[in-house]
């Protein structure tokens, strides 16, 4: 799964990467956790993209729990086009979540060891996501999202069996295109590259606390 990620880059670079007219000012974040608000890029129509805020934890439009439930943090790319919880979003509401890296936890005899993964080319990662809009009986509106995951590659698999789906820049337009309403076709946009695009290192246990949010969380253990 993908349960934490980071976004610690200049806002100007973020706007340039996704072709956005404007990006609201916001502090760097190094421990984005489920239940928190996350930034995501969506198709705004007329050839434009915009940044929107969603609660991380997708709440289906037909949910009986609404905002009371935790929602779905992740969705499997392999089955999202067929699953009732994600089927509509896979067709109509795809998004990209900017990330400078993500965390996974490695099971060890002494407890789970957190790792931080980042792109080997130094680029910002664009995690594939889905978003939904829930409207409650009392007028409550919840807009939420989930991160799509896939089978881990050779760089991530020694730590965890799953990893987030990263969309390459050449495929941003196709992934976000709201006119393309075939969920299975959308899933095929992701193509696993030859060599892994990821590199990683173990980090300290501070990331285990959702309230922790400082740059040192992503530093290798050897640098502490």
Protein backbone atom coordinates (compact mmCIF):
# COMPACT_ATOMS: atom_id res chain seq x y z
CA UNK A 1 0.00 0.00 0.00
CA UNK A 2 0.97 3.66 0.05
CA UNK A 3 0.19 5.12 3.45
CA UNK A 4 2.45 8.18 3.65
CA UNK A 5 4.20 10.47 1.21
CA UNK A 6 6.04 13.79 1.09
CA UNK A 7 5.82 16.97 -0.95
CA UNK A 8 8.77 19.22 -0.24
CA UNK A 9 9.54 21.20 -3.40
CA UNK A 10 9.29 24.91 -4.40
CA UNK A 11 5.78 25.93 -5.43
CA UNK A 12 7.04 27.44 -8.69
CA UNK A 13 8.55 24.11 -9.69
CA UNK A 14 5.27 22.40 -8.87
CA UNK A 15 3.35 24.76 -11.17
CA UNK A 16 5.86 24.28 -13.98
CA UNK A 17 5.81 20.48 -13.74
CA UNK A 18 2.04 20.23 -14.22
CA UNK A 19 1.43 23.28 -16.42
CA UNK A 20 -0.64 25.09 -13.79
CA UNK A 21 -1.52 28.77 -14.04
CA UNK A 22 -1.25 29.17 -10.29
CA UNK A 23 -0.44 27.12 -7.20
CA UNK A 24 -1.54 28.35 -3.76
CA UNK A 25 1.24 28.99 -1.30
CA UNK A 26 1.69 26.15 1.18
CA UNK A 27 4.47 24.86 3.43
CA UNK A 28 6.58 21.85 2.52
CA UNK A 29 5.15 18.61 3.91
CA UNK A 30 7.22 15.55 4.78
CA UNK A 31 4.66 13.20 6.33
CA UNK A 32 1.33 13.39 4.52
CA UNK A 33 -1.00 10.85 6.13
CA UNK A 34 -4.47 9.37 5.47
CA UNK A 35 -7.31 11.58 6.66
CA UNK A 36 -5.37 14.76 5.90
CA UNK A 37 -6.01 17.17 3.05
CA UNK A 38 -3.83 16.52 0.02
CA UNK A 39 -3.18 18.48 -3.15
CA UNK A 40 -4.07 16.90 -6.47
CA UNK A 41 -4.00 18.02 -10.10
CA UNK A 42 -7.21 17.59 -12.11
CA UNK A 43 -8.46 18.45 -15.58
CA UNK A 44 -10.29 21.78 -15.33
CA UNK A 45 -11.59 21.69 -18.91
CA UNK A 46 -10.79 23.93 -21.88
CA UNK A 47 -7.22 22.66 -21.94
CA UNK A 48 -6.48 23.77 -18.39
CA UNK A 49 -5.40 22.00 -15.22
CA UNK A 50 -5.93 23.09 -11.65
CA UNK A 51 -4.83 22.13 -8.17
CA UNK A 52 -7.56 21.00 -5.79
CA UNK A 53 -7.69 19.81 -2.19
CA UNK A 54 -9.12 16.40 -1.30
CA UNK A 55 -9.31 14.43 1.91
CA UNK A 56 -7.08 11.38 1.60
CA UNK A 57 -9.41 8.42 2.03
CA UNK A 58 -11.89 7.98 -0.82
CA UNK A 59 -15.55 7.96 0.21
CA UNK A 60 -17.77 6.45 -2.52
CA UNK A 61 -20.79 8.55 -3.51
CA UNK A 62 -23.09 5.77 -2.24
CA UNK A 63 -21.36 5.33 1.13
CA UNK A 64 -23.61 4.92 4.18
CA UNK A 65 -20.90 6.20 6.54
CA UNK A 66 -20.02 9.39 4.68
CA UNK A 67 -17.38 11.47 6.43
CA UNK A 68 -17.53 9.22 9.49
CA UNK A 69 -15.68 6.44 7.66
CA UNK A 70 -11.92 6.45 7.03
CA UNK A 71 -12.43 5.87 3.33
CA UNK A 72 -10.18 3.97 0.95
CA UNK A 73 -6.58 5.15 1.18
CA UNK A 74 -5.49 3.00 -1.78
CA UNK A 75 -7.05 1.31 -4.80
CA UNK A 76 -5.45 -1.50 -6.79
CA UNK A 77 -4.77 -0.49 -10.37
CA UNK A 78 -5.40 -4.07 -11.50
CA UNK A 79 -9.02 -4.08 -10.28
CA UNK A 80 -10.09 -0.43 -9.89
CA UNK A 81 -11.97 -0.36 -13.21
CA UNK A 82 -14.32 -3.12 -11.98
CA UNK A 83 -14.62 -2.49 -8.23
CA UNK A 84 -17.88 -0.70 -7.27
CA UNK A 85 -15.99 1.63 -4.92
CA UNK A 86 -13.71 2.93 -7.67
CA UNK A 87 -15.37 2.13 -10.99
CA UNK A 88 -17.02 5.53 -11.56
CA UNK A 89 -13.96 7.48 -10.40
CA UNK A 90 -11.74 5.43 -12.69
CA UNK A 91 -13.91 6.53 -15.60
CA UNK A 92 -14.63 10.15 -14.74
CA UNK A 93 -12.44 11.42 -11.91
CA UNK A 94 -8.74 10.65 -12.24
CA UNK A 95 -6.11 12.91 -10.70
CA UNK A 96 -2.37 13.22 -10.06
CA UNK A 97 -0.94 13.68 -6.58
CA UNK A 98 2.44 15.47 -6.61
CA UNK A 99 5.01 13.81 -4.37
CA UNK A 100 8.71 14.23 -3.76
CA UNK A 101 8.75 10.68 -2.37
CA UNK A 102 6.75 8.04 -0.50
CA UNK A 103 7.21 5.77 2.52
CA UNK A 104 6.83 2.02 2.89
CA UNK A 105 7.38 -0.20 5.93
CA UNK A 106 9.56 -3.32 5.90
CA UNK A 107 8.54 -6.16 8.21
CA UNK A 108 11.44 -7.22 10.46
CA UNK A 109 11.69 -9.43 13.55
CA UNK A 110 12.18 -6.40 15.77
CA UNK A 111 9.35 -4.40 14.25
CA UNK A 112 8.58 -2.55 11.05
CA UNK A 113 11.32 -0.40 9.53
CA UNK A 114 10.18 2.67 7.54
CA UNK A 115 11.83 3.42 4.19
CA UNK A 116 11.69 6.54 2.04
CA UNK A 117 11.61 6.17 -1.76
CA UNK A 118 12.25 8.87 -4.36
CA UNK A 119 12.82 9.06 -8.11
CA UNK A 120 16.38 8.28 -9.21
CA UNK A 121 16.28 11.11 -11.79
CA UNK A 122 15.51 13.72 -9.15
CA UNK A 123 12.15 14.60 -10.69
CA UNK A 124 8.92 15.16 -8.88
CA UNK A 125 6.69 12.05 -8.86
CA UNK A 126 3.08 12.19 -10.04
CA UNK A 127 1.13 9.52 -8.17
CA UNK A 128 -1.97 8.26 -9.96
CA UNK A 129 -5.11 8.94 -7.99
CA UNK A 130 -8.90 8.80 -8.09
CA UNK A 131 -11.30 11.26 -6.48
CA UNK A 132 -14.96 11.18 -5.51
CA UNK A 133 -17.68 13.54 -4.31
CA UNK A 134 -20.00 12.44 -1.55
CA UNK A 135 -23.16 14.39 -0.70
CA UNK A 136 -24.88 13.51 2.56
CA UNK A 137 -28.60 13.66 3.30
CA UNK A 138 -28.05 16.83 5.38
CA UNK A 139 -26.12 18.61 2.61
CA UNK A 140 -22.69 17.49 3.79
CA UNK A 141 -20.16 17.40 0.95
CA UNK A 142 -16.94 15.41 1.10
CA UNK A 143 -14.44 15.40 -1.76
CA UNK A 144 -11.88 12.67 -1.23
CA UNK A 145 -9.23 10.68 -3.04
CA UNK A 146 -7.26 7.43 -3.11
CA UNK A 147 -3.79 6.58 -4.41
CA UNK A 148 -3.58 3.77 -6.95
CA UNK A 149 -1.06 1.02 -6.25
CA UNK A 150 0.57 -1.74 -8.26
CA UNK A 151 2.91 -4.68 -7.69
CA UNK A 152 6.27 -3.48 -6.38
CA UNK A 153 9.25 -3.48 -8.72
CA UNK A 154 12.76 -4.69 -7.99
CA UNK A 155 13.69 -1.56 -6.00
CA UNK A 156 10.65 -1.56 -3.69
CA UNK A 157 9.78 -5.28 -3.41
CA UNK A 158 12.48 -6.09 -0.80
CA UNK A 159 10.61 -3.65 1.48
CA UNK A 160 6.95 -4.07 0.48
CA UNK A 161 4.91 -6.00 -2.07
CA UNK A 162 2.98 -2.95 -3.32
CA UNK A 163 3.95 0.56 -4.42
CA UNK A 164 2.12 3.65 -5.72
CA UNK A 165 1.53 4.01 -9.46
CA UNK A 166 3.59 6.87 -10.90
CA UNK A 167 2.47 8.45 -14.17
CA UNK A 168 5.21 9.74 -16.47
CA UNK A 169 5.06 13.36 -17.75
CA UNK A 170 4.32 12.26 -21.32
CA UNK A 171 1.17 10.55 -20.03
CA UNK A 172 -0.22 13.32 -17.78
CA UNK A 173 -2.64 14.55 -20.43
CA UNK A 174 -4.03 11.11 -21.23
CA UNK A 175 -4.44 10.20 -17.56
CA UNK A 176 -6.30 13.41 -16.70
CA UNK A 177 -8.41 13.53 -19.87
CA UNK A 178 -12.04 13.55 -18.70
CA UNK A 179 -13.22 12.73 -22.23
CA UNK A 180 -11.53 9.32 -22.00
CA UNK A 181 -14.11 7.34 -20.01
CA UNK A 182 -12.87 3.78 -20.26
CA UNK A 183 -11.50 2.64 -16.90
CA UNK A 184 -9.63 -0.36 -18.28
CA UNK A 185 -8.05 1.79 -20.96
CA UNK A 186 -7.05 4.35 -18.36
CA UNK A 187 -5.35 1.59 -16.33
CA UNK A 188 -3.31 0.63 -19.41
CA UNK A 189 -1.72 4.09 -19.52
CA UNK A 190 0.65 2.99 -16.77
CA UNK A 191 3.55 1.09 -18.23
CA UNK A 192 6.17 -0.33 -15.89
CA UNK A 193 9.54 1.04 -17.06
CA UNK A 194 12.56 -1.22 -17.59
CA UNK A 195 14.91 -0.27 -14.75
CA UNK A 196 13.11 0.96 -11.66
CA UNK A 197 12.67 4.72 -11.36
CA UNK A 198 12.88 4.40 -7.57
CA UNK A 199 15.70 4.45 -5.03
CA UNK A 200 15.23 4.27 -1.29
CA UNK A 201 16.82 4.22 2.15
CA UNK A 202 15.70 3.40 5.70
CA UNK A 203 14.62 6.34 7.83
CA UNK A 204 13.96 6.89 11.50
CA UNK A 205 10.76 5.96 13.37
CA UNK A 206 9.60 9.57 13.56
CA UNK A 207 7.47 9.13 10.45
CA UNK A 208 5.29 6.68 12.39
CA UNK A 209 3.67 9.66 14.12
CA UNK A 210 1.21 11.37 11.79
CA UNK A 211 1.73 14.63 13.70
CA UNK A 212 5.46 14.66 12.88
CA UNK A 213 6.31 16.80 9.86
CA UNK A 214 9.88 17.96 9.38
CA UNK A 215 12.51 17.49 6.69
CA UNK A 216 14.69 15.24 8.81
CA UNK A 217 12.05 12.50 8.48
CA UNK A 218 13.25 11.73 4.95
CA UNK A 219 16.96 11.64 5.83
CA UNK A 220 18.78 8.27 5.80
CA UNK A 221 19.43 6.70 9.18
CA UNK A 222 23.18 6.99 8.51
CA UNK A 223 22.87 10.81 8.45
CA UNK A 224 21.31 11.05 11.91
